[in-house]
Amino acid sequence: MFSNPIRKDNYGYLFITPFFILFLMFHIYPILYSFYLSFTNSDGMSPPEFIGTANYTRALTDSVFYQSLFNTFMIWIPSVIPQLTVSLVLAVILNERFLKGKDFFRAVFFFPNIVTAASIGLLVSLMFDWQSGSVNHMLASFGLIEDPVDWKNNPVFMRFLISTILFFQYFGYSMLLYIAGLQGISSDYSEAAQIDGANKTQIFFRITIPLLKPIIIFQIITSLIGGIQIFDQPYTLTNGAGGPDNATLTSVMYLYITAFKQNKFGYGASIAFCLFVLIIILAIISFRLTNGKNNEQAR
């Protein structure tokens, strides 16, 4: 009989080893290699040459990069404000104990979140096509327009359209987070307030909102981090061009175009790590805000 070289207590490590091997191969190694490329002039064809921090210096002075960040925030802000407010109102309504069909409406409102962003972007792109789009046909059938409207050539409208798509996709997810937070609030607070003569409006603004503040902060910061990574919707709506006049060119779209269309892998990698640093900063802000609130409650 051969003795078992692995102790029985260590069998668990054998089961998790494949995961860590794949994680190192397909996650850690690409990140480290991309970090190396950010210090080179790699174009994907010739051997990369080390150029120091030239790519990062270029990124910090790149007007198109700053414009892409500006576009990202201009798309994010009009989407996140109605997203967080409408989802909060729906969460309060659907959290009522005696409301019939609330589970059905929760599922319906959450459904857009499980649809791929590229599919929604492609569908909306076809709807607003100026030649064959259903929107122009519908408006013309009602006599509201005579000539087809070139919706995709209007920078303000395109930003608003992408913001609307983002709102449509994620308000259901925010609603579920609010519902989870509302269900975690003890009914003793509202009952005590009602005994003291407070009405529902006063209870909502003076008790419910302050107790939901950690979730509100979490949603704002995480949606901001997700907003920096907007790619699918503007890419499919503009066929990867970011038009018109680069008005819908987001930061990740600019990264993709730079690295994979212009074959500037080194510069594209430096843009990726600039965004990575920005996301880290926002994550730290989120942690400090939520942790500070928890410390105040603990006191």
C-alpha atoms as a PDB file:
ATOM      1  CA  MET A   1       0.000   0.000   0.000  1.00  0.00           C
ATOM      2  CA  PHE A   2       1.301   3.442  -0.928  1.00  0.00           C
ATOM      3  CA  SER A   3       1.096   6.099   1.701  1.00  0.00           C
ATOM      4  CA  ASN A   4      -0.972   9.141   0.778  1.00  0.00           C
ATOM      5  CA  PRO A   5       1.432  12.119   0.431  1.00  0.00           C
ATOM      6  CA  ILE A   6      -1.419  14.620   0.909  1.00  0.00           C
ATOM      7  CA  ARG A   7      -3.033  14.940   4.289  1.00  0.00           C
ATOM      8  CA  LYS A   8      -6.788  14.653   4.407  1.00  0.00           C
ATOM      9  CA  ASP A   9      -7.005  18.121   5.936  1.00  0.00           C
ATOM     10  CA  ASN A  10      -5.460  19.589   2.768  1.00  0.00           C
ATOM     11  CA  TYR A  11      -7.899  18.059   0.277  1.00  0.00           C
ATOM     12  CA  GLY A  12      -9.741  21.367   0.074  1.00  0.00           C
ATOM     13  CA  TYR A  13      -6.733  23.017  -1.526  1.00  0.00           C
ATOM     14  CA  LEU A  14      -6.896  20.525  -4.396  1.00  0.00           C
ATOM     15  CA  PHE A  15     -10.465  21.559  -5.189  1.00  0.00           C
ATOM     16  CA  ILE A  16      -9.693  25.298  -5.282  1.00  0.00           C
ATOM     17  CA  THR A  17      -6.381  24.954  -7.139  1.00  0.00           C
ATOM     18  CA  PRO A  18      -7.966  24.883 -10.664  1.00  0.00           C
ATOM     19  CA  PHE A  19      -9.784  28.133  -9.946  1.00  0.00           C
ATOM     20  CA  PHE A  20      -6.625  29.913  -8.847  1.00  0.00           C
ATOM     21  CA  ILE A  21      -4.665  28.599 -11.828  1.00  0.00           C
ATOM     22  CA  LEU A  22      -7.302  29.943 -14.238  1.00  0.00           C
ATOM     23  CA  PHE A  23      -7.555  33.171 -12.250  1.00  0.00           C
ATOM     24  CA  LEU A  24      -3.810  33.731 -12.529  1.00  0.00           C
ATOM     25  CA  MET A  25      -3.789  32.887 -16.240  1.00  0.00           C
ATOM     26  CA  PHE A  26      -6.814  34.895 -17.386  1.00  0.00           C
ATOM     27  CA  HIS A  27      -6.977  37.735 -14.832  1.00  0.00           C
ATOM     28  CA  ILE A  28      -3.752  38.475 -12.994  1.00  0.00           C
ATOM     29  CA  TYR A  29      -1.362  37.862 -15.902  1.00  0.00           C
ATOM     30  CA  PRO A  30      -3.319  40.065 -18.387  1.00  0.00           C
ATOM     31  CA  ILE A  31      -3.442  42.880 -15.831  1.00  0.00           C
ATOM     32  CA  LEU A  32       0.289  42.693 -15.141  1.00  0.00           C
ATOM     33  CA  TYR A  33       1.108  42.434 -18.845  1.00  0.00           C
ATOM     34  CA  SER A  34      -1.135  45.404 -19.636  1.00  0.00           C
ATOM     35  CA  PHE A  35       0.646  47.379 -16.943  1.00  0.00           C
ATOM     36  CA  TYR A  36       3.941  46.536 -18.614  1.00  0.00           C
ATOM     37  CA  LEU A  37       2.569  47.550 -22.028  1.00  0.00           C
ATOM     38  CA  SER A  38       1.528  50.926 -20.641  1.00  0.00           C
ATOM     39  CA  PHE A  39       5.223  51.796 -20.392  1.00  0.00           C
ATOM     40  CA  THR A  40       5.956  50.763 -23.981  1.00  0.00           C
ATOM     41  CA  ASN A  41       5.109  51.856 -27.518  1.00  0.00           C
ATOM     42  CA  SER A  42       3.524  48.488 -28.339  1.00  0.00           C
ATOM     43  CA  ASP A  43       1.476  48.358 -31.531  1.00  0.00           C
ATOM     44  CA  GLY A  44       0.754  44.620 -31.451  1.00  0.00           C
ATOM     45  CA  MET A  45       3.064  43.929 -34.394  1.00  0.00           C
ATOM     46  CA  SER A  46       6.666  44.863 -33.607  1.00  0.00           C
ATOM     47  CA  PRO A  47       8.441  44.080 -30.300  1.00  0.00           C
ATOM     48  CA  PRO A  48       7.483  46.671 -27.661  1.00  0.00           C
ATOM     49  CA  GLU A  49      10.072  49.266 -26.660  1.00  0.00           C
ATOM     50  CA  PHE A  50      10.196  50.742 -23.178  1.00  0.00           C
ATOM     51  CA  ILE A  51       9.406  54.484 -23.219  1.00  0.00           C
ATOM     52  CA  GLY A  52       8.873  55.165 -19.511  1.00  0.00           C
ATOM     53  CA  THR A  53       5.932  57.311 -18.464  1.00  0.00           C
ATOM     54  CA  ALA A  54       5.472  58.951 -21.884  1.00  0.00           C
ATOM     55  CA  ASN A  55       2.063  57.313 -22.377  1.00  0.00           C
ATOM     56  CA  TYR A  56       0.786  58.563 -19.022  1.00  0.00           C
ATOM     57  CA  THR A  57       2.092  62.059 -19.731  1.00  0.00           C
ATOM     58  CA  ARG A  58       0.304  61.975 -23.055  1.00  0.00           C
ATOM     59  CA  ALA A  59      -2.941  60.792 -21.438  1.00  0.00           C
ATOM     60  CA  LEU A  60      -2.876  63.618 -18.896  1.00  0.00           C
ATOM     61  CA  THR A  61      -2.565  66.166 -21.719  1.00  0.00           C
ATOM     62  CA  ASP A  62      -4.880  64.461 -24.221  1.00  0.00           C
ATOM     63  CA  SER A  63      -7.867  66.716 -24.948  1.00  0.00           C
ATOM     64  CA  VAL A  64      -9.843  63.843 -26.513  1.00  0.00           C
ATOM     65  CA  PHE A  65      -9.364  61.762 -23.378  1.00  0.00           C
ATOM     66  CA  TYR A  66     -10.699  64.591 -21.235  1.00  0.00           C
ATOM     67  CA  GLN A  67     -13.587  65.060 -23.641  1.00  0.00           C
ATOM     68  CA  SER A  68     -14.421  61.363 -23.328  1.00  0.00           C
ATOM     69  CA  LEU A  69     -14.483  61.725 -19.537  1.00  0.00           C
ATOM     70  CA  PHE A  70     -16.701  64.802 -19.883  1.00  0.00           C
ATOM     71  CA  ASN A  71     -19.051  62.895 -22.189  1.00  0.00           C
ATOM     72  CA  THR A  72     -19.174  60.030 -19.723  1.00  0.00           C
ATOM     73  CA  PHE A  73     -20.266  62.303 -16.881  1.00  0.00           C
ATOM     74  CA  MET A  74     -22.733  64.166 -19.108  1.00  0.00           C
ATOM     75  CA  ILE A  75     -24.343  60.839 -19.933  1.00  0.00           C
ATOM     76  CA  TRP A  76     -24.201  59.515 -16.378  1.00  0.00           C
ATOM     77  CA  ILE A  77     -25.693  62.513 -14.534  1.00  0.00           C
ATOM     78  CA  PRO A  78     -29.031  62.679 -16.443  1.00  0.00           C
ATOM     79  CA  SER A  79     -29.433  58.926 -16.005  1.00  0.00           C
ATOM     80  CA  VAL A  80     -28.527  58.497 -12.345  1.00  0.00           C
ATOM     81  CA  ILE A  81     -30.755  61.259 -10.938  1.00  0.00           C
ATOM     82  CA  PRO A  82     -34.076  59.819 -12.214  1.00  0.00           C
ATOM     83  CA  GLN A  83     -32.747  56.304 -11.680  1.00  0.00           C
ATOM     84  CA  LEU A  84     -32.224  56.809  -7.944  1.00  0.00           C
ATOM     85  CA  THR A  85     -35.370  58.878  -7.374  1.00  0.00           C
ATOM     86  CA  VAL A  86     -37.850  56.817  -9.405  1.00  0.00           C
ATOM     87  CA  SER A  87     -36.474  53.560  -8.028  1.00  0.00           C
ATOM     88  CA  LEU A  88     -36.832  54.881  -4.473  1.00  0.00           C
ATOM     89  CA  VAL A  89     -40.474  55.842  -5.040  1.00  0.00           C
ATOM     90  CA  LEU A  90     -41.222  52.440  -6.591  1.00  0.00           C
ATOM     91  CA  ALA A  91     -39.417  50.673  -3.758  1.00  0.00           C
ATOM     92  CA  VAL A  92     -41.548  52.446  -1.148  1.00  0.00           C
ATOM     93  CA  ILE A  93     -44.742  51.573  -3.046  1.00  0.00           C
ATOM     94  CA  LEU A  94     -43.791  47.938  -3.679  1.00  0.00           C
ATOM     95  CA  ASN A  95     -42.676  47.485  -0.076  1.00  0.00           C
ATOM     96  CA  GLU A  96     -46.212  47.904   1.215  1.00  0.00           C
ATOM     97  CA  ARG A  97     -47.298  44.717   2.949  1.00  0.00           C
ATOM     98  CA  PHE A  98     -50.849  44.559   1.635  1.00  0.00           C
ATOM     99  CA  LEU A  99     -50.132  45.558  -1.977  1.00  0.00           C
ATOM    100  CA  LYS A 100     -51.325  42.847  -4.365  1.00  0.00           C
ATOM    101  CA  GLY A 101     -49.109  41.776  -7.261  1.00  0.00           C
ATOM    102  CA  LYS A 102     -45.987  43.458  -5.895  1.00  0.00           C
ATOM    103  CA  ASP A 103     -43.805  40.442  -6.679  1.00  0.00           C
ATOM    104  CA  PHE A 104     -44.940  40.565 -10.304  1.00  0.00           C
ATOM    105  CA  PHE A 105     -44.106  44.255 -10.654  1.00  0.00           C
ATOM    106  CA  ARG A 106     -40.725  43.754  -8.981  1.00  0.00           C
ATOM    107  CA  ALA A 107     -39.870  41.119 -11.588  1.00  0.00           C
ATOM    108  CA  VAL A 108     -41.151  43.270 -14.474  1.00  0.00           C
ATOM    109  CA  PHE A 109     -39.145  46.339 -13.380  1.00  0.00           C
ATOM    110  CA  PHE A 110     -36.003  44.250 -12.863  1.00  0.00           C
ATOM    111  CA  PHE A 111     -36.300  42.476 -16.230  1.00  0.00           C
ATOM    112  CA  PRO A 112     -34.416  45.146 -18.298  1.00  0.00           C
ATOM    113  CA  ASN A 113     -31.390  44.577 -16.079  1.00  0.00           C
ATOM    114  CA  ILE A 114     -30.943  41.011 -17.314  1.00  0.00           C
ATOM    115  CA  VAL A 115     -31.132  42.005 -21.001  1.00  0.00           C
ATOM    116  CA  THR A 116     -27.720  42.588 -22.550  1.00  0.00           C
ATOM    117  CA  ALA A 117     -26.794  46.235 -23.047  1.00  0.00           C
ATOM    118  CA  ALA A 118     -25.673  45.612 -26.628  1.00  0.00           C
ATOM    119  CA  SER A 119     -29.087  44.173 -27.512  1.00  0.00           C
ATOM    120  CA  ILE A 120     -30.918  47.207 -26.160  1.00  0.00           C
ATOM    121  CA  GLY A 121     -28.469  49.573 -27.860  1.00  0.00           C
ATOM    122  CA  LEU A 122     -28.914  47.823 -31.204  1.00  0.00           C
ATOM    123  CA  LEU A 123     -32.712  47.847 -30.869  1.00  0.00           C
ATOM    124  CA  VAL A 124     -32.825  51.564 -30.055  1.00  0.00           C
ATOM    125  CA  SER A 125     -30.395  52.272 -32.895  1.00  0.00           C
ATOM    126  CA  LEU A 126     -32.773  50.613 -35.357  1.00  0.00           C
ATOM    127  CA  MET A 127     -35.761  52.462 -33.897  1.00  0.00           C
ATOM    128  CA  PHE A 128     -34.145  55.888 -34.358  1.00  0.00           C
ATOM    129  CA  ASP A 129     -32.676  55.261 -37.794  1.00  0.00           C
ATOM    130  CA  TRP A 130     -33.630  58.277 -39.911  1.00  0.00           C
ATOM    131  CA  GLN A 131     -34.451  56.249 -43.024  1.00  0.00           C
ATOM    132  CA  SER A 132     -36.160  53.105 -41.787  1.00  0.00           C
ATOM    133  CA  GLY A 133     -36.614  53.719 -38.073  1.00  0.00           C
ATOM    134  CA  SER A 134     -39.985  53.044 -36.479  1.00  0.00           C
ATOM    135  CA  VAL A 135     -39.927  56.354 -34.569  1.00  0.00           C
ATOM    136  CA  ASN A 136     -39.889  58.476 -37.724  1.00  0.00           C
ATOM    137  CA  HIS A 137     -42.554  56.287 -39.322  1.00  0.00           C
ATOM    138  CA  MET A 138     -44.783  56.616 -36.271  1.00  0.00           C
ATOM    139  CA  LEU A 139     -44.365  60.402 -36.040  1.00  0.00           C
ATOM    140  CA  ALA A 140     -45.043  60.741 -39.763  1.00  0.00           C
ATOM    141  CA  SER A 141     -48.178  58.601 -39.521  1.00  0.00           C
ATOM    142  CA  PHE A 142     -49.531  60.966 -36.844  1.00  0.00           C
ATOM    143  CA  GLY A 143     -48.673  63.968 -38.997  1.00  0.00           C
ATOM    144  CA  LEU A 144     -46.173  65.336 -36.510  1.00  0.00           C
ATOM    145  CA  ILE A 145     -43.298  65.462 -39.001  1.00  0.00           C
ATOM    146  CA  GLU A 146     -43.090  65.744 -42.784  1.00  0.00           C
ATOM    147  CA  ASP A 147     -39.455  64.809 -43.383  1.00  0.00           C
ATOM    148  CA  PRO A 148     -37.499  62.120 -41.509  1.00  0.00           C
ATOM    149  CA  VAL A 149     -35.515  63.436 -38.534  1.00  0.00           C
ATOM    150  CA  ASP A 150     -31.838  62.541 -38.378  1.00  0.00           C
ATOM    151  CA  TRP A 151     -31.848  61.797 -34.651  1.00  0.00           C
ATOM    152  CA  LYS A 152     -28.313  60.395 -34.594  1.00  0.00           C
ATOM    153  CA  ASN A 153     -26.857  63.664 -35.870  1.00  0.00           C
ATOM    154  CA  ASN A 154     -27.971  65.602 -32.792  1.00  0.00           C
ATOM    155  CA  PRO A 155     -25.292  65.512 -30.034  1.00  0.00           C
ATOM    156  CA  VAL A 156     -27.615  66.574 -27.199  1.00  0.00           C
ATOM    157  CA  PHE A 157     -30.327  64.110 -28.175  1.00  0.00           C
ATOM    158  CA  MET A 158     -27.846  61.218 -28.503  1.00  0.00           C
ATOM    159  CA  ARG A 159     -26.485  61.824 -25.014  1.00  0.00           C
ATOM    160  CA  PHE A 160     -30.024  62.017 -23.667  1.00  0.00           C
ATOM    161  CA  LEU A 161     -30.951  58.827 -25.506  1.00  0.00           C
ATOM    162  CA  ILE A 162     -28.041  56.901 -23.985  1.00  0.00           C
ATOM    163  CA  SER A 163     -28.927  58.301 -20.548  1.00  0.00           C
ATOM    164  CA  THR A 164     -32.497  57.075 -21.033  1.00  0.00           C
ATOM    165  CA  ILE A 165     -31.268  53.601 -21.962  1.00  0.00           C
ATOM    166  CA  LEU A 166     -29.090  53.475 -18.835  1.00  0.00           C
ATOM    167  CA  PHE A 167     -32.029  54.563 -16.687  1.00  0.00           C
ATOM    168  CA  PHE A 168     -34.281  51.945 -18.283  1.00  0.00           C
ATOM    169  CA  GLN A 169     -31.732  49.197 -17.677  1.00  0.00           C
ATOM    170  CA  TYR A 170     -30.735  49.860 -14.099  1.00  0.00           C
ATOM    171  CA  PHE A 171     -33.635  51.493 -12.252  1.00  0.00           C
ATOM    172  CA  GLY A 172     -35.019  48.027 -11.428  1.00  0.00           C
ATOM    173  CA  TYR A 173     -31.730  46.977  -9.858  1.00  0.00           C
ATOM    174  CA  SER A 174     -31.661  50.150  -7.743  1.00  0.00           C
ATOM    175  CA  MET A 175     -35.272  49.496  -6.754  1.00  0.00           C
ATOM    176  CA  LEU A 176     -34.393  46.060  -5.391  1.00  0.00           C
ATOM    177  CA  LEU A 177     -31.526  47.509  -3.355  1.00  0.00           C
ATOM    178  CA  TYR A 178     -33.880  50.088  -1.866  1.00  0.00           C
ATOM    179  CA  ILE A 179     -36.448  47.397  -1.086  1.00  0.00           C
ATOM    180  CA  ALA A 180     -33.777  45.382   0.718  1.00  0.00           C
ATOM    181  CA  GLY A 181     -32.837  48.479   2.701  1.00  0.00           C
ATOM    182  CA  LEU A 182     -36.466  49.268   3.562  1.00  0.00           C
ATOM    183  CA  GLN A 183     -37.040  45.725   4.762  1.00  0.00           C
ATOM    184  CA  GLY A 184     -34.021  46.101   7.038  1.00  0.00           C
ATOM    185  CA  ILE A 185     -35.534  49.123   8.798  1.00  0.00           C
ATOM    186  CA  SER A 186     -37.394  48.172  11.937  1.00  0.00           C
ATOM    187  CA  SER A 187     -41.059  49.128  12.037  1.00  0.00           C
ATOM    188  CA  ASP A 188     -40.537  50.365  15.607  1.00  0.00           C
ATOM    189  CA  TYR A 189     -39.237  53.683  14.243  1.00  0.00           C
ATOM    190  CA  SER A 190     -42.362  54.455  12.214  1.00  0.00           C
ATOM    191  CA  GLU A 191     -44.690  53.215  14.933  1.00  0.00           C
ATOM    192  CA  ALA A 192     -43.011  55.434  17.519  1.00  0.00           C
ATOM    193  CA  ALA A 193     -43.190  58.398  15.131  1.00  0.00           C
ATOM    194  CA  GLN A 194     -46.893  57.787  14.464  1.00  0.00           C
ATOM    195  CA  ILE A 195     -47.563  57.746  18.195  1.00  0.00           C
ATOM    196  CA  ASP A 196     -45.847  61.143  18.415  1.00  0.00           C
ATOM    197  CA  GLY A 197     -48.170  62.448  15.682  1.00  0.00           C
ATOM    198  CA  ALA A 198     -45.931  62.259  12.600  1.00  0.00           C
ATOM    199  CA  ASN A 199     -47.573  61.678   9.226  1.00  0.00           C
ATOM    200  CA  LYS A 200     -46.254  59.455   6.411  1.00  0.00           C
ATOM    201  CA  THR A 201     -44.450  62.313   4.657  1.00  0.00           C
ATOM    202  CA  GLN A 202     -42.594  63.295   7.821  1.00  0.00           C
ATOM    203  CA  ILE A 203     -41.712  59.660   8.530  1.00  0.00           C
ATOM    204  CA  PHE A 204     -40.372  59.239   4.995  1.00  0.00           C
ATOM    205  CA  PHE A 205     -38.115  62.314   4.995  1.00  0.00           C
ATOM    206  CA  ARG A 206     -37.038  62.304   8.652  1.00  0.00           C
ATOM    207  CA  ILE A 207     -36.722  58.589   9.355  1.00  0.00           C
ATOM    208  CA  THR A 208     -36.685  56.491   6.186  1.00  0.00           C
ATOM    209  CA  ILE A 209     -34.310  58.638   4.099  1.00  0.00           C
ATOM    210  CA  PRO A 210     -31.675  59.067   6.868  1.00  0.00           C
ATOM    211  CA  LEU A 211     -31.703  55.320   7.573  1.00  0.00           C
ATOM    212  CA  LEU A 212     -31.337  54.609   3.839  1.00  0.00           C
ATOM    213  CA  LYS A 213     -28.419  57.029   3.481  1.00  0.00           C
ATOM    214  CA  PRO A 214     -25.711  54.294   3.385  1.00  0.00           C
ATOM    215  CA  ILE A 215     -27.557  52.550   0.543  1.00  0.00           C
ATOM    216  CA  ILE A 216     -28.082  55.844  -1.305  1.00  0.00           C
ATOM    217  CA  ILE A 217     -24.370  56.668  -1.034  1.00  0.00           C
ATOM    218  CA  PHE A 218     -23.463  53.154  -2.138  1.00  0.00           C
ATOM    219  CA  GLN A 219     -25.709  53.420  -5.191  1.00  0.00           C
ATOM    220  CA  ILE A 220     -24.374  56.838  -6.194  1.00  0.00           C
ATOM    221  CA  ILE A 221     -20.731  55.769  -6.007  1.00  0.00           C
ATOM    222  CA  THR A 222     -21.199  52.357  -7.637  1.00  0.00           C
ATOM    223  CA  SER A 223     -23.293  53.861 -10.428  1.00  0.00           C
ATOM    224  CA  LEU A 224     -20.556  56.448 -10.971  1.00  0.00           C
ATOM    225  CA  ILE A 225     -17.957  53.685 -11.184  1.00  0.00           C
ATOM    226  CA  GLY A 226     -20.197  51.803 -13.610  1.00  0.00           C
ATOM    227  CA  GLY A 227     -20.771  55.011 -15.553  1.00  0.00           C
ATOM    228  CA  ILE A 228     -17.051  55.371 -16.196  1.00  0.00           C
ATOM    229  CA  GLN A 229     -17.185  51.971 -17.886  1.00  0.00           C
ATOM    230  CA  ILE A 230     -20.090  52.771 -20.253  1.00  0.00           C
ATOM    231  CA  PHE A 231     -19.346  51.120 -23.575  1.00  0.00           C
ATOM    232  CA  ASP A 232     -22.035  48.878 -25.057  1.00  0.00           C
ATOM    233  CA  GLN A 233     -24.866  51.370 -25.472  1.00  0.00           C
ATOM    234  CA  PRO A 234     -22.973  54.238 -27.174  1.00  0.00           C
ATOM    235  CA  TYR A 235     -20.886  51.812 -29.232  1.00  0.00           C
ATOM    236  CA  THR A 236     -23.897  50.030 -30.727  1.00  0.00           C
ATOM    237  CA  LEU A 237     -25.866  53.262 -31.189  1.00  0.00           C
ATOM    238  CA  THR A 238     -23.065  54.967 -33.142  1.00  0.00           C
ATOM    239  CA  ASN A 239     -21.486  51.916 -34.795  1.00  0.00           C
ATOM    240  CA  GLY A 240     -18.356  52.497 -32.740  1.00  0.00           C
ATOM    241  CA  ALA A 241     -17.821  56.046 -33.996  1.00  0.00           C
ATOM    242  CA  GLY A 242     -18.841  57.951 -30.859  1.00  0.00           C
ATOM    243  CA  GLY A 243     -20.570  60.577 -32.971  1.00  0.00           C
ATOM    244  CA  PRO A 244     -21.798  63.054 -33.699  1.00  0.00           C
ATOM    245  CA  ASP A 245     -18.750  65.267 -33.086  1.00  0.00           C
ATOM    246  CA  ASN A 246     -17.458  62.796 -30.480  1.00  0.00           C
ATOM    247  CA  ALA A 247     -20.404  63.739 -28.256  1.00  0.00           C
ATOM    248  CA  THR A 248     -21.025  60.108 -27.244  1.00  0.00           C
ATOM    249  CA  LEU A 249     -17.383  59.034 -27.150  1.00  0.00           C
ATOM    250  CA  THR A 250     -17.037  57.623 -23.636  1.00  0.00           C
ATOM    251  CA  SER A 251     -13.744  56.934 -21.893  1.00  0.00           C
ATOM    252  CA  VAL A 252     -13.884  53.165 -22.444  1.00  0.00           C
ATOM    253  CA  MET A 253     -14.871  53.674 -26.086  1.00  0.00           C
ATOM    254  CA  TYR A 254     -11.822  55.897 -26.521  1.00  0.00           C
ATOM    255  CA  LEU A 255      -9.695  53.204 -24.897  1.00  0.00           C
ATOM    256  CA  TYR A 256     -11.089  50.577 -27.265  1.00  0.00           C
ATOM    257  CA  ILE A 257     -10.630  52.703 -30.385  1.00  0.00           C
ATOM    258  CA  THR A 258      -7.092  53.656 -29.386  1.00  0.00           C
ATOM    259  CA  ALA A 259      -5.953  50.142 -28.586  1.00  0.00           C
ATOM    260  CA  PHE A 260      -7.821  47.924 -31.024  1.00  0.00           C
ATOM    261  CA  LYS A 261      -8.584  50.169 -34.004  1.00  0.00           C
ATOM    262  CA  GLN A 262      -5.496  52.367 -34.030  1.00  0.00           C
ATOM    263  CA  ASN A 263      -3.245  49.550 -32.733  1.00  0.00           C
ATOM    264  CA  LYS A 264      -1.766  51.756 -29.998  1.00  0.00           C
ATOM    265  CA  PHE A 265      -1.735  49.088 -27.318  1.00  0.00           C
ATOM    266  CA  GLY A 266       0.750  50.879 -25.094  1.00  0.00           C
ATOM    267  CA  TYR A 267      -1.205  54.122 -25.024  1.00  0.00           C
ATOM    268  CA  GLY A 268      -4.503  52.241 -24.665  1.00  0.00           C
ATOM    269  CA  ALA A 269      -3.112  50.370 -21.653  1.00  0.00           C
ATOM    270  CA  SER A 270      -2.090  53.657 -20.022  1.00  0.00           C
ATOM    271  CA  ILE A 271      -5.645  55.000 -20.509  1.00  0.00           C
ATOM    272  CA  ALA A 272      -6.984  51.834 -18.890  1.00  0.00           C
ATOM    273  CA  PHE A 273      -4.820  52.317 -15.815  1.00  0.00           C
ATOM    274  CA  CYS A 274      -5.726  56.008 -15.595  1.00  0.00           C
ATOM    275  CA  LEU A 275      -9.355  54.911 -15.428  1.00  0.00           C
ATOM    276  CA  PHE A 276      -8.369  52.217 -12.935  1.00  0.00           C
ATOM    277  CA  VAL A 277      -6.823  54.839 -10.637  1.00  0.00           C
ATOM    278  CA  LEU A 278      -9.937  56.997 -10.971  1.00  0.00           C
ATOM    279  CA  ILE A 279     -12.130  54.047 -10.019  1.00  0.00           C
ATOM    280  CA  ILE A 280      -9.922  53.325  -6.987  1.00  0.00           C
ATOM    281  CA  ILE A 281     -10.299  56.943  -5.847  1.00  0.00           C
ATOM    282  CA  LEU A 282     -14.071  56.709  -6.146  1.00  0.00           C
ATOM    283  CA  ALA A 283     -14.073  53.388  -4.280  1.00  0.00           C
ATOM    284  CA  ILE A 284     -12.083  54.964  -1.437  1.00  0.00           C
ATOM    285  CA  ILE A 285     -14.547  57.852  -1.294  1.00  0.00           C
ATOM    286  CA  SER A 286     -17.414  55.367  -1.147  1.00  0.00           C
ATOM    287  CA  PHE A 287     -15.758  53.430   1.676  1.00  0.00           C
ATOM    288  CA  ARG A 288     -15.027  56.534   3.723  1.00  0.00           C
ATOM    289  CA  LEU A 289     -18.524  57.942   3.313  1.00  0.00           C
ATOM    290  CA  THR A 290     -20.278  54.707   4.237  1.00  0.00           C
ATOM    291  CA  ASN A 291     -17.798  53.870   6.998  1.00  0.00           C
ATOM    292  CA  GLY A 292     -18.111  57.360   8.433  1.00  0.00           C
ATOM    293  CA  LYS A 293     -21.883  57.017   8.501  1.00  0.00           C
ATOM    294  CA  ASN A 294     -21.633  53.663  10.276  1.00  0.00           C
ATOM    295  CA  ASN A 295     -19.298  55.176  12.869  1.00  0.00           C
ATOM    296  CA  GLU A 296     -21.792  57.965  13.533  1.00  0.00           C
ATOM    297  CA  GLN A 297     -24.579  55.439  14.021  1.00  0.00           C
ATOM    298  CA  ALA A 298     -22.372  53.392  16.348  1.00  0.00           C
ATOM    299  CA  ARG A 299     -21.872  56.438  18.557  1.00  0.00           C
END
